[in-house]
Amino acid sequence: MNEQLAGKHIVLGLSGGVACYKSAELCRLLVKAGATVQVVMTEAAAQFITPVTMQALSGRSVYTSQWDTREANNMPHINLSREADAILIAPCSADFIARLVQGRADELLSLLCLARPRDRVPLLLAPAMNREMWGHPATQRNLAQVARDGATVLGVGFGDQACGETGDGRMLEAAEILEELEAFFTPQLLTGQHVLITAGPTFEAIDPVRGITNLSSGKMGFAIARAARAAGAQVTLVAGPVHLPTPRGVRRIDVRSAQNMLAIVEEQAREATIFIATAAVADWRPATAALHKIKKDGTGDVPALEFVENPDILATVARTERARAGRLYCVGFAAESENLLEHASAKRERKGVPLLVGNIGPATFGQDDNALLLVDAQGHRELPRASKEALGHQLVAEIARRLAAV
C-alpha cells in the first residue's frame, strides 16, 4: 500500500499510441498502491491494447464509449469525472492534447475531461509521441495552453522510440508516473527547503580490487529522498556505491569513499537547509592503499593492514556556522546491533544534532521495511515497523513539524 495513493479513485485514460503497453504496468502499480483505477480508452487506444487486458489489471469494466448503457442516466462523462480524485491520461497523444486545447467533446475521454469539476478533480497528462511531433511548435503551443487551462503536464523521457528514432517524446516509465502521482497528492511540507541526503555504504580501498565496506543498501536514504522531493523540497542525494535507480526529480552525486563523501557534502551543505545523514560511513580506512593487487605468495603470510580514522561527516557538518546558527537542520542515523536507545542517545549528544534516528543495523540492511527510533533532547518515540517508503514520508513530516516549531 502507498500512503498517498491508497483509497484514491483514479480515472486512467488511454489515448492512441504504442506507449499503451506501459499503461498496463501503470495500472498494475496503481492497484498495488491501493488506488481504485477506472480505465477509459479512446477508439485509437484500443488498437494498441485491448480493453480486456486493462479490465483484468484494474478489476473494473473499461469504458470506451459515451453511449455506454451501463449508466442509468446515460452520462458516463458526468459520473466518471465526479467520482475521480484525479484524471490521468497516459499515454496522452499529440492529437489528444490538441483536443483538450480545442475543448473537443465527441468521444468519451475528451468529453469527461471537459466535464470534470476543475476545482477539485485535477487533470494530469503523460505525453507520448515521436520526437518531431514533440518538438513541433504546434504541440509546444498546445502544451503551454493546457497548462494554463489547469492541467499538469508530467513531461517526457528521452530514448529509443518505436519508429526507430531517438529523442524526447517517450512516455515516462510506469514507476516514474507513479512517483509523480504520489508527489501530486503529498502535502507540500518542505516547499522552499533544500534537503541534502547521504545514503548507502562507503568503500575504502585496500588495493585496486579489494576494499572495506558494509551491507547498507541505501534503500532508507533513497526512500527519504523520494519523500522529501514529493513534499516539495529541492533534493540532493549523495550516494555511496549502491544499485538503486535515482528518484525522479532528485539530483544525485555518486561517491565512493568517506573522504569523497565529505568533500561533496561540505560543498553541497553551503546551500542546504536540511541535512539527513543516512549513509553507513566506514569508521576507518587503510592508512595506505596498494597500487597493485596484493597477491598471495604461497607462504601463508597474511598482510598487515594499518588503519586510520575516517572523517566524521555528520559531526563536521553539525559544527559549521550555518548549522550552529540554525540555518541548517541536521539529522543523523545510528545503525546499532544492541542497546539502540542508549547508543543513539549518546551519539546524538556526541554529534551535536537536534535529531538522531536509530535502527537495528544489520537486520535491516537490504530489507524493504524497518522500524525507527526518533531521539531528541525531549526524549524518544518509535515509528513502528513499516515499509521504508512509508517511513520516509513519516520522517519528512516529523522534520517539517520540528522546523515549523523552531
Protein backbone atom coordinates (compact mmCIF):
# COMPACT_ATOMS: atom_id res chain seq x y z
CA MET A 1 0.00 0.00 0.00
CA ASN A 2 1.07 3.55 -0.71
CA GLU A 3 0.17 6.16 1.90
CA GLN A 4 -0.51 8.87 -0.67
CA LEU A 5 -2.43 6.76 -3.20
CA ALA A 6 -4.31 4.28 -1.01
CA GLY A 7 -8.04 4.87 -1.32
CA LYS A 8 -7.69 7.30 -4.22
CA HIS A 9 -10.02 6.88 -7.21
CA ILE A 10 -8.01 7.40 -10.38
CA VAL A 11 -9.52 7.62 -13.85
CA LEU A 12 -6.76 6.30 -16.11
CA GLY A 13 -7.33 7.49 -19.65
CA LEU A 14 -5.56 5.92 -22.62
CA SER A 15 -5.32 7.74 -25.95
CA GLY A 16 -3.80 6.15 -29.05
CA GLY A 17 -0.10 5.30 -29.03
CA VAL A 18 2.28 2.39 -28.77
CA ALA A 19 3.07 3.55 -25.21
CA CYS A 20 -0.25 1.96 -24.20
CA TYR A 21 1.81 -1.10 -23.28
CA LYS A 22 3.26 0.94 -20.39
CA SER A 23 -0.26 1.77 -19.22
CA ALA A 24 -0.81 -1.88 -18.35
CA GLU A 25 2.11 -1.78 -15.88
CA LEU A 26 1.00 1.63 -14.60
CA CYS A 27 -2.48 0.25 -13.90
CA ARG A 28 -0.96 -2.69 -12.02
CA LEU A 29 1.22 -0.40 -9.91
CA LEU A 30 -1.68 1.90 -9.07
CA VAL A 31 -3.83 -1.02 -7.92
CA LYS A 32 -0.91 -2.42 -5.90
CA ALA A 33 -0.56 1.03 -4.27
CA GLY A 34 -4.15 0.77 -3.06
CA ALA A 35 -5.84 3.02 -5.61
CA THR A 36 -9.09 2.25 -7.39
CA VAL A 37 -8.46 2.53 -11.13
CA GLN A 38 -11.21 3.19 -13.65
CA VAL A 39 -9.87 2.84 -17.18
CA VAL A 40 -11.31 4.87 -20.05
CA MET A 41 -9.96 4.25 -23.57
CA THR A 42 -10.30 6.00 -26.88
CA GLU A 43 -11.03 4.01 -30.02
CA ALA A 44 -7.43 4.60 -31.10
CA ALA A 45 -6.06 3.24 -27.80
CA ALA A 46 -7.96 0.00 -28.34
CA GLN A 47 -5.87 -0.53 -31.50
CA PHE A 48 -2.76 -0.86 -29.30
CA ILE A 49 -4.03 -2.70 -26.21
CA THR A 50 -7.34 -4.39 -25.55
CA PRO A 51 -9.95 -3.31 -23.03
CA VAL A 52 -9.91 -6.92 -21.81
CA THR A 53 -6.29 -6.54 -20.68
CA MET A 54 -6.99 -3.29 -18.84
CA GLN A 55 -10.11 -4.77 -17.24
CA ALA A 56 -8.11 -7.74 -15.95
CA LEU A 57 -5.48 -5.45 -14.44
CA SER A 58 -7.84 -2.86 -12.96
CA GLY A 59 -10.54 -5.28 -11.82
CA ARG A 60 -13.18 -2.96 -13.27
CA SER A 61 -15.06 -2.79 -16.55
CA VAL A 62 -13.42 -0.48 -19.08
CA TYR A 63 -15.32 2.42 -20.66
CA THR A 64 -14.80 3.15 -24.35
CA SER A 65 -17.97 4.99 -25.42
CA GLN A 66 -20.06 7.93 -24.24
CA TRP A 67 -23.10 5.88 -25.20
CA ASP A 68 -22.36 3.17 -22.62
CA THR A 69 -25.73 1.88 -21.40
CA ARG A 70 -24.37 0.70 -18.03
CA GLU A 71 -25.00 4.19 -16.70
CA ALA A 72 -28.63 4.64 -15.67
CA ASN A 73 -28.60 8.29 -16.73
CA ASN A 74 -26.52 7.55 -19.86
CA MET A 75 -23.97 10.14 -18.70
CA PRO A 76 -20.67 8.33 -18.08
CA HIS A 77 -18.79 11.58 -18.74
CA ILE A 78 -20.50 13.13 -15.71
CA ASN A 79 -20.48 10.11 -13.42
CA LEU A 80 -16.88 9.08 -14.07
CA SER A 81 -15.46 12.57 -13.66
CA ARG A 82 -17.42 13.22 -10.45
CA GLU A 83 -16.14 10.03 -8.81
CA ALA A 84 -12.47 10.76 -9.54
CA ASP A 85 -9.78 12.09 -7.23
CA ALA A 86 -7.70 12.65 -10.36
CA ILE A 87 -7.82 12.01 -14.10
CA LEU A 88 -4.54 10.76 -15.53
CA ILE A 89 -4.10 10.49 -19.31
CA ALA A 90 -1.26 8.07 -20.06
CA PRO A 91 -0.41 7.94 -22.87
CA CYS A 92 -1.54 11.39 -23.92
CA SER A 93 -1.01 11.70 -27.67
CA ALA A 94 -0.37 14.89 -29.63
CA ASP A 95 -3.85 14.58 -31.05
CA PHE A 96 -5.41 14.29 -27.59
CA ILE A 97 -3.51 17.33 -26.33
CA ALA A 98 -4.91 19.27 -29.30
CA ARG A 99 -8.40 18.02 -28.49
CA LEU A 100 -8.09 19.28 -24.93
CA VAL A 101 -6.99 22.72 -26.15
CA GLN A 102 -9.95 22.88 -28.50
CA GLY A 103 -12.43 21.66 -25.91
CA ARG A 104 -13.49 18.76 -28.15
CA ALA A 105 -16.22 16.54 -26.76
CA ASP A 106 -17.04 13.98 -29.44
CA GLU A 107 -15.73 10.87 -27.63
CA LEU A 108 -15.85 9.80 -24.00
CA LEU A 109 -12.33 10.56 -22.77
CA SER A 110 -12.12 14.15 -24.04
CA LEU A 111 -15.76 14.66 -23.03
CA LEU A 112 -15.16 13.67 -19.39
CA CYS A 113 -12.02 15.85 -19.28
CA LEU A 114 -14.13 18.79 -20.42
CA ALA A 115 -16.88 17.94 -17.92
CA ARG A 116 -14.60 17.41 -14.89
CA PRO A 117 -15.06 19.78 -11.93
CA ARG A 118 -11.82 21.73 -12.40
CA ASP A 119 -11.80 23.00 -8.82
CA ARG A 120 -11.48 19.52 -7.27
CA VAL A 121 -10.54 16.94 -9.94
CA PRO A 122 -7.02 17.53 -11.25
CA LEU A 123 -6.02 16.51 -14.77
CA LEU A 124 -2.54 15.06 -15.28
CA LEU A 125 -1.03 14.33 -18.68
CA ALA A 126 1.79 11.92 -19.57
CA PRO A 127 2.59 12.78 -23.21
CA ALA A 128 3.87 10.16 -25.63
CA MET A 129 4.84 10.78 -29.26
CA ASN A 130 7.62 10.85 -31.85
CA ARG A 131 10.43 13.34 -31.19
CA GLU A 132 9.49 15.53 -34.18
CA MET A 133 5.87 15.65 -33.03
CA TRP A 134 7.01 16.53 -29.51
CA GLY A 135 9.23 19.35 -30.72
CA HIS A 136 6.73 20.77 -33.21
CA PRO A 137 5.70 24.37 -32.41
CA ALA A 138 2.02 23.40 -32.54
CA THR A 139 2.50 20.72 -29.88
CA GLN A 140 4.51 23.05 -27.66
CA ARG A 141 1.87 25.78 -28.00
CA ASN A 142 -0.84 23.28 -27.11
CA LEU A 143 1.11 22.03 -24.09
CA ALA A 144 1.53 25.58 -22.84
CA GLN A 145 -2.19 26.20 -23.29
CA VAL A 146 -3.37 23.07 -21.47
CA ALA A 147 -1.05 24.01 -18.59
CA ARG A 148 -2.61 27.49 -18.50
CA ASP A 149 -6.01 25.81 -18.51
CA GLY A 150 -5.06 23.96 -15.32
CA ALA A 151 -3.65 20.60 -16.46
CA THR A 152 -0.41 19.23 -15.02
CA VAL A 153 2.00 18.07 -17.74
CA LEU A 154 4.38 15.44 -16.39
CA GLY A 155 6.99 15.75 -19.12
CA VAL A 156 8.53 13.07 -21.31
CA GLY A 157 11.54 10.78 -21.37
CA PHE A 158 14.47 10.62 -23.77
CA GLY A 159 15.46 7.47 -25.63
CA ASP A 160 14.74 4.99 -28.39
CA GLN A 161 11.32 5.31 -29.99
CA ALA A 162 9.12 2.74 -31.69
CA CYS A 163 9.70 4.42 -35.06
CA GLY A 164 13.42 3.73 -34.79
CA GLU A 165 14.42 7.30 -33.95
CA THR A 166 15.92 8.53 -30.69
CA GLY A 167 14.99 11.64 -28.77
CA ASP A 168 12.46 13.31 -26.49
CA GLY A 169 8.84 12.21 -26.56
CA ARG A 170 8.81 8.79 -24.91
CA MET A 171 6.17 8.39 -22.24
CA LEU A 172 7.67 8.24 -18.77
CA GLU A 173 8.06 4.76 -17.34
CA ALA A 174 5.21 3.46 -15.20
CA ALA A 175 7.23 3.75 -11.97
CA GLU A 176 8.12 7.36 -12.82
CA ILE A 177 4.50 8.28 -13.40
CA LEU A 178 3.59 6.61 -10.11
CA GLU A 179 6.20 8.79 -8.36
CA GLU A 180 4.75 11.90 -9.99
CA LEU A 181 1.22 11.00 -8.95
CA GLU A 182 2.40 10.22 -5.42
CA ALA A 183 4.13 13.62 -5.25
CA PHE A 184 0.99 15.31 -6.54
CA PHE A 185 -1.02 14.00 -3.58
CA THR A 186 1.70 14.61 -0.98
CA PRO A 187 1.30 17.68 1.28
CA GLN A 188 3.98 20.19 0.30
CA LEU A 189 5.52 20.38 3.77
CA LEU A 190 9.05 21.15 2.58
CA THR A 191 8.38 23.73 -0.12
CA GLY A 192 11.32 26.13 -0.26
CA GLN A 193 13.68 23.74 1.56
CA HIS A 194 16.88 22.28 0.08
CA VAL A 195 17.45 18.82 1.51
CA LEU A 196 20.88 17.19 1.36
CA ILE A 197 20.90 13.43 2.00
CA THR A 198 23.68 10.85 2.18
CA ALA A 199 22.84 7.21 1.51
CA GLY A 200 24.41 3.79 1.16
CA PRO A 201 27.83 2.49 2.25
CA THR A 202 31.28 3.84 1.59
CA PHE A 203 34.11 1.78 0.09
CA GLU A 204 37.63 2.14 1.47
CA ALA A 205 40.22 0.70 -0.90
CA ILE A 206 42.85 -1.79 0.22
CA ASP A 207 44.18 -2.27 -3.31
CA PRO A 208 42.69 -1.74 -6.81
CA VAL A 209 40.26 -4.68 -6.45
CA ARG A 210 39.59 -5.01 -2.70
CA GLY A 211 38.19 -2.76 -0.05
CA ILE A 212 36.30 -2.36 3.21
CA THR A 213 32.58 -1.71 3.00
CA ASN A 214 29.32 -2.78 4.67
CA LEU A 215 25.90 -4.21 3.85
CA SER A 216 23.98 -0.92 3.63
CA SER A 217 21.74 -0.96 0.54
CA GLY A 218 20.87 2.75 0.57
CA LYS A 219 17.15 1.97 0.45
CA MET A 220 16.26 4.08 3.51
CA GLY A 221 18.14 7.11 2.24
CA PHE A 222 16.67 6.82 -1.25
CA ALA A 223 13.17 6.48 0.25
CA ILE A 224 13.71 9.67 2.27
CA ALA A 225 14.96 11.44 -0.86
CA ARG A 226 11.79 10.43 -2.73
CA ALA A 227 9.61 11.56 0.18
CA ALA A 228 11.39 14.91 0.52
CA ARG A 229 11.07 15.60 -3.19
CA ALA A 230 7.38 14.63 -3.07
CA ALA A 231 6.95 17.08 -0.17
CA GLY A 232 8.16 19.92 -2.39
CA ALA A 233 11.84 20.12 -1.46
CA GLN A 234 14.82 20.52 -3.74
CA VAL A 235 16.79 17.35 -3.04
CA THR A 236 20.46 16.49 -3.50
CA LEU A 237 21.35 12.85 -2.84
CA VAL A 238 24.99 11.91 -2.22
CA ALA A 239 25.13 8.15 -2.75
CA GLY A 240 27.82 5.62 -1.97
CA PRO A 241 28.20 2.54 -4.20
CA VAL A 242 24.62 1.21 -4.47
CA HIS A 243 22.49 -0.29 -7.23
CA LEU A 244 19.32 1.78 -6.95
CA PRO A 245 17.55 3.97 -9.52
CA THR A 246 17.71 7.70 -8.91
CA PRO A 247 14.38 9.02 -7.56
CA ARG A 248 12.64 11.22 -10.11
CA GLY A 249 13.38 14.90 -9.69
CA VAL A 250 16.32 14.25 -7.34
CA ARG A 251 19.86 15.40 -8.11
CA ARG A 252 22.24 12.53 -7.45
CA ILE A 253 26.01 12.67 -6.89
CA ASP A 254 27.82 9.32 -6.68
CA VAL A 255 30.83 8.94 -4.39
CA ARG A 256 32.98 6.06 -3.24
CA SER A 257 34.95 6.69 -0.04
CA ALA A 258 34.23 8.58 3.17
CA GLN A 259 36.70 11.28 2.13
CA ASN A 260 34.93 11.63 -1.23
CA MET A 261 31.59 11.89 0.54
CA LEU A 262 32.81 14.51 3.00
CA ALA A 263 34.19 16.73 0.23
CA ILE A 264 30.90 16.66 -1.70
CA VAL A 265 28.77 17.11 1.42
CA GLU A 266 30.77 20.12 2.60
CA GLU A 267 30.34 21.74 -0.79
CA GLN A 268 26.60 20.99 -1.07
CA ALA A 269 25.83 21.90 2.56
CA ARG A 270 26.56 25.56 1.78
CA GLU A 271 23.16 25.80 0.07
CA ALA A 272 21.17 23.18 2.00
CA THR A 273 18.67 23.91 4.76
CA ILE A 274 18.26 20.30 5.95
CA PHE A 275 20.99 17.63 6.14
CA ILE A 276 19.98 13.99 6.65
CA ALA A 277 22.94 11.65 7.11
CA THR A 278 21.67 8.13 6.46
CA ALA A 279 24.87 6.79 4.89
CA ALA A 280 26.69 3.99 6.68
CA VAL A 281 30.12 5.59 6.55
CA ALA A 282 33.14 3.40 7.33
CA ASP A 283 34.71 4.46 10.63
CA TRP A 284 38.22 3.51 9.49
CA ARG A 285 40.17 3.14 6.25
CA PRO A 286 43.54 1.58 5.41
CA ALA A 287 46.34 4.06 6.02
CA THR A 288 47.60 3.37 2.51
CA ALA A 289 46.10 1.61 -0.47
CA ALA A 290 48.34 -0.63 -2.55
CA LEU A 291 48.89 0.48 -6.14
CA HIS A 292 48.58 -3.09 -7.39
CA LYS A 293 46.60 -6.14 -6.31
CA ILE A 294 48.05 -7.73 -3.18
CA LYS A 295 48.77 -11.35 -4.11
CA LYS A 296 49.27 -14.48 -2.06
CA ASP A 297 52.84 -15.76 -2.24
CA GLY A 298 52.13 -19.31 -1.04
CA THR A 299 53.93 -18.85 2.28
CA GLY A 300 50.79 -18.39 4.33
CA ASP A 301 51.84 -14.92 5.38
CA VAL A 302 48.92 -12.52 5.86
CA PRO A 303 49.46 -8.85 5.01
CA ALA A 304 49.20 -6.48 7.95
CA LEU A 305 46.88 -3.52 7.46
CA GLU A 306 47.24 -0.29 9.36
CA PHE A 307 44.07 1.75 9.79
CA VAL A 308 43.34 5.42 10.29
CA GLU A 309 40.10 7.01 11.38
CA ASN A 310 37.78 8.40 8.72
CA PRO A 311 36.33 11.90 9.00
CA ASP A 312 33.05 12.24 10.90
CA ILE A 313 30.79 13.71 8.23
CA LEU A 314 27.74 14.36 10.42
CA ALA A 315 29.72 15.98 13.24
CA THR A 316 31.71 18.07 10.76
CA VAL A 317 28.55 19.47 9.17
CA ALA A 318 26.85 19.96 12.56
CA ARG A 319 29.78 22.15 13.65
CA THR A 320 29.55 24.50 10.67
CA GLU A 321 28.48 28.10 11.21
CA ARG A 322 25.24 27.54 9.23
CA ALA A 323 24.25 24.58 11.42
CA ARG A 324 25.12 26.36 14.67
CA ALA A 325 23.14 29.42 13.56
CA GLY A 326 20.07 27.26 12.91
CA ARG A 327 20.13 27.69 9.12
CA LEU A 328 20.96 24.01 8.55
CA TYR A 329 18.90 21.41 10.44
CA CYS A 330 20.95 18.24 10.87
CA VAL A 331 19.53 14.72 11.27
CA GLY A 332 21.75 11.73 11.97
CA PHE A 333 21.19 7.98 11.71
CA ALA A 334 22.54 5.27 14.01
CA ALA A 335 22.56 1.62 12.99
CA GLU A 336 23.13 -0.43 16.14
CA SER A 337 23.22 -4.15 16.89
CA GLU A 338 22.23 -3.72 20.57
CA ASN A 339 21.13 -1.15 23.18
CA LEU A 340 19.65 1.07 20.49
CA LEU A 341 18.28 3.84 22.71
CA GLU A 342 21.43 4.10 24.81
CA HIS A 343 23.78 4.25 21.83
CA ALA A 344 21.53 6.53 19.76
CA SER A 345 21.16 9.00 22.64
CA ALA A 346 24.91 9.07 23.21
CA LYS A 347 25.57 9.54 19.51
CA ARG A 348 23.13 12.46 19.31
CA GLU A 349 24.94 14.22 22.15
CA ARG A 350 28.35 13.45 20.72
CA LYS A 351 27.49 14.67 17.20
CA GLY A 352 25.63 17.74 18.43
CA VAL A 353 22.49 17.27 16.30
CA PRO A 354 18.86 18.00 17.24
CA LEU A 355 17.50 14.69 15.94
CA LEU A 356 19.02 11.22 15.77
CA VAL A 357 17.21 8.34 14.09
CA GLY A 358 18.09 4.87 15.31
CA ASN A 359 17.52 1.46 13.80
CA ILE A 360 18.81 -2.04 14.45
CA GLY A 361 21.52 -2.08 11.83
CA PRO A 362 22.47 -5.41 10.22
CA ALA A 363 18.95 -6.84 10.47
CA THR A 364 17.52 -4.03 8.32
CA PHE A 365 20.29 -3.69 5.73
CA GLY A 366 18.89 -4.56 2.31
CA GLN A 367 15.35 -5.03 3.62
CA ASP A 368 12.30 -3.15 2.33
CA ASP A 369 10.89 -2.43 5.79
CA ASN A 370 12.21 -1.05 9.04
CA ALA A 371 11.28 0.48 12.40
CA LEU A 372 12.81 3.77 13.51
CA LEU A 373 13.50 5.33 16.89
CA LEU A 374 13.48 9.14 16.98
CA VAL A 375 15.74 10.55 19.69
CA ASP A 376 15.90 14.24 20.58
CA ALA A 377 16.51 16.45 23.60
CA GLN A 378 12.98 15.82 24.90
CA GLY A 379 13.16 12.03 24.79
CA HIS A 380 12.35 9.40 22.20
CA ARG A 381 9.50 7.82 20.31
CA GLU A 382 9.19 4.97 17.84
CA LEU A 383 7.96 4.91 14.28
CA PRO A 384 6.58 1.34 14.15
CA ARG A 385 7.68 -1.15 11.53
CA ALA A 386 6.54 -0.22 8.05
CA SER A 387 7.93 -0.07 4.54
CA LYS A 388 10.94 2.19 4.15
CA GLU A 389 8.90 4.24 1.67
CA ALA A 390 6.22 4.87 4.30
CA LEU A 391 8.82 5.61 6.96
CA GLY A 392 10.46 8.09 4.61
CA HIS A 393 7.23 10.08 4.41
CA GLN A 394 6.72 9.88 8.19
CA LEU A 395 10.24 11.12 8.88
CA VAL A 396 9.85 14.00 6.42
CA ALA A 397 6.63 15.01 8.18
CA GLU A 398 8.42 14.85 11.56
CA ILE A 399 11.25 17.07 10.31
CA ALA A 400 8.79 19.56 8.81
CA ARG A 401 6.88 19.71 12.11
CA ARG A 402 10.06 20.33 14.09
CA LEU A 403 11.22 23.05 11.71
CA ALA A 404 7.84 24.78 11.96
CA ALA A 405 8.15 24.80 15.75
CA VAL A 406 11.56 26.47 15.75
